C-alpha cells in the first residue's frame, strides 16, 4: 500500500488520537503539543512556546523538536493506516538553524506504507520563516492479531 491519497478520510479523528495518547502514550503530555490536523497520511502539530522547552540561550532544545517530529509522524501514520501499534524504527534529524521565539509547527507526511512506513516532517516557526529542522523516519507497522 502506498501513502494514502490526500482526499481519503483519515482513519482517526483528532479527539480519538488525543484519547490514544492519554491511554497508551501518557509521556506525550510532557511536551504539551497541540494537534492541529490529522489527515490520511499527514498531520500538523504545534509545540507551544514554553520556557520548559528551552535550553540555555533561549532556543528550543533538540530533544523537544525530536519529540515533536516523532509524534507528528505517529499521528500521520495512524491517520493514514489506522495502525495504532506503529513504532519508530529510525529517526534522523537535521537541525537547520536556531529556532526563533514562539511556537514550532510540524508538518508530517507519510511517503510509503506497507510492512514498514517511511515519512518526513518539516519543522517551521509558527510565526513564519525558514524551516528550523527536518526529520526522516521509518516505522514498523505490526499486523493486528
Protein backbone atom coordinates (compact mmCIF):
# COMPACT_ATOMS: atom_id res chain seq x y z
CA UNK A 1 0.00 0.00 0.00
CA UNK A 2 1.41 3.40 -0.91
CA UNK A 3 0.91 6.56 1.09
CA UNK A 4 -2.74 7.48 1.44
CA UNK A 5 -4.14 9.96 -1.04
CA UNK A 6 -4.95 13.37 0.48
CA UNK A 7 -8.62 13.04 -0.49
CA UNK A 8 -9.10 9.93 1.68
CA UNK A 9 -10.75 10.19 5.07
CA UNK A 10 -8.29 9.90 7.97
CA UNK A 11 -8.57 6.70 9.98
CA UNK A 12 -8.52 8.58 13.27
CA UNK A 13 -10.02 11.86 14.42
CA UNK A 14 -8.12 14.40 16.47
CA UNK A 15 -10.27 13.50 19.51
CA UNK A 16 -9.58 9.77 19.04
CA UNK A 17 -5.85 10.44 18.66
CA UNK A 18 -5.80 12.52 21.86
CA UNK A 19 -7.53 9.65 23.67
CA UNK A 20 -4.98 7.19 22.23
CA UNK A 21 -2.14 9.33 23.59
CA UNK A 22 -3.76 9.63 27.01
CA UNK A 23 -4.41 5.89 27.31
CA UNK A 24 -1.31 4.39 25.67
CA UNK A 25 1.33 7.13 25.43
CA UNK A 26 0.98 9.34 28.53
CA UNK A 27 4.58 10.54 28.18
CA UNK A 28 3.44 12.63 25.18
CA UNK A 29 1.71 15.06 27.55
CA UNK A 30 5.13 16.28 28.78
CA UNK A 31 5.59 18.22 25.53
CA UNK A 32 2.14 19.89 25.72
CA UNK A 33 1.80 19.53 21.94
CA UNK A 34 -1.33 20.79 20.17
CA UNK A 35 -2.76 18.51 17.47
CA UNK A 36 -3.99 20.86 14.75
CA UNK A 37 -4.79 18.46 11.91
CA UNK A 38 -4.66 14.76 11.08
CA UNK A 39 -5.21 13.63 7.52
CA UNK A 40 -4.87 10.33 5.69
CA UNK A 41 -1.09 10.16 5.91
CA UNK A 42 -0.49 13.75 7.03
CA UNK A 43 -0.52 15.68 10.28
CA UNK A 44 0.17 19.16 11.60
CA UNK A 45 1.14 19.53 15.25
CA UNK A 46 2.30 22.54 17.26
CA UNK A 47 4.88 22.76 20.01
CA UNK A 48 3.83 25.83 22.01
CA UNK A 49 6.34 28.30 23.36
CA UNK A 50 7.27 27.22 26.89
CA UNK A 51 10.34 28.03 28.97
CA UNK A 52 10.46 24.32 29.87
CA UNK A 53 11.17 23.51 26.18
CA UNK A 54 14.22 25.77 26.04
CA UNK A 55 17.88 25.17 26.65
CA UNK A 56 20.45 27.78 27.65
CA UNK A 57 20.29 30.77 25.34
CA UNK A 58 16.51 30.57 24.94
CA UNK A 59 16.40 28.29 21.90
CA UNK A 60 14.15 25.23 21.84
CA UNK A 61 16.09 22.15 22.89
CA UNK A 62 16.77 19.48 20.27
CA UNK A 63 15.03 16.70 22.22
CA UNK A 64 11.82 18.77 22.24
CA UNK A 65 11.98 19.14 18.44
CA UNK A 66 12.71 15.41 18.05
CA UNK A 67 9.71 14.56 20.22
CA UNK A 68 7.52 16.90 18.17
CA UNK A 69 8.70 15.31 14.90
CA UNK A 70 8.22 11.75 16.19
CA UNK A 71 4.72 12.46 17.48
CA UNK A 72 3.73 14.23 14.25
CA UNK A 73 4.84 11.23 12.19
CA UNK A 74 2.95 8.89 14.51
CA UNK A 75 -0.22 10.98 14.01
CA UNK A 76 0.24 10.85 10.23
CA UNK A 77 0.75 7.07 10.29
CA UNK A 78 -2.29 6.41 12.46
CA UNK A 79 -4.30 8.82 10.30
CA UNK A 80 -3.21 7.05 7.13
CA UNK A 81 -3.16 3.40 8.18
CA UNK A 82 -5.21 3.17 11.36
CA UNK A 83 -2.32 1.15 12.88
CA UNK A 84 -2.12 2.32 16.49
CA UNK A 85 0.67 -0.18 17.25
CA UNK A 86 3.17 1.50 14.90
CA UNK A 87 6.61 2.05 16.44
CA UNK A 88 9.56 4.16 15.39
CA UNK A 89 12.30 2.10 13.72
CA UNK A 90 14.58 5.05 12.91
CA UNK A 91 14.54 8.82 13.22
CA UNK A 92 17.12 11.11 11.66
CA UNK A 93 17.07 14.82 12.46
CA UNK A 94 18.67 17.63 10.50
CA UNK A 95 18.83 20.78 12.61
CA UNK A 96 18.97 23.62 10.11
CA UNK A 97 19.02 26.79 12.20
CA UNK A 98 18.28 28.23 15.63
CA UNK A 99 14.59 28.32 16.48
CA UNK A 100 13.26 31.85 16.87
CA UNK A 101 11.00 32.73 19.82
CA UNK A 102 7.48 31.31 19.60
CA UNK A 103 5.86 28.01 18.78
CA UNK A 104 7.00 25.49 16.19
CA UNK A 105 4.76 23.72 13.66
CA UNK A 106 5.44 20.17 12.49
CA UNK A 107 4.18 19.25 9.01
CA UNK A 108 4.34 15.45 8.70
CA UNK A 109 3.84 13.47 5.51
CA UNK A 110 3.96 9.70 5.06
CA UNK A 111 5.72 8.78 1.84
CA UNK A 112 5.23 4.99 1.83
CA UNK A 113 3.39 2.36 3.83
CA UNK A 114 3.47 -1.44 3.79
CA UNK A 115 5.09 -3.62 6.44
CA UNK A 116 7.20 -0.55 7.16
CA UNK A 117 6.31 3.10 6.71
CA UNK A 118 8.56 5.98 5.74
CA UNK A 119 7.87 9.63 6.26
CA UNK A 120 9.26 13.09 6.70
CA UNK A 121 8.45 16.11 8.80
CA UNK A 122 9.40 19.74 8.35
CA UNK A 123 9.56 21.92 11.47
CA UNK A 124 8.86 25.60 10.86
CA UNK A 125 8.43 28.61 13.16
CA UNK A 126 4.79 29.29 13.89
CA UNK A 127 5.36 32.97 13.11
CA UNK A 128 6.71 32.05 9.67
CA UNK A 129 10.16 31.89 8.21
CA UNK A 130 12.62 29.28 7.09
CA UNK A 131 12.45 25.69 8.42
CA UNK A 132 14.39 25.04 11.62
CA UNK A 133 14.65 21.25 11.25
CA UNK A 134 13.76 18.27 9.08
CA UNK A 135 13.21 14.67 10.16
CA UNK A 136 13.20 11.48 8.13
CA UNK A 137 11.79 8.39 9.81
CA UNK A 138 10.84 4.77 9.28
CA UNK A 139 8.25 2.91 11.29
CA UNK A 140 7.40 -0.73 11.89
CA UNK A 141 3.72 -1.47 11.35
CA UNK A 142 2.89 -4.63 13.31
CA UNK A 143 -0.01 -6.65 12.00
CA UNK A 144 -3.03 -6.89 14.28
CA UNK A 145 -3.51 -10.23 15.97
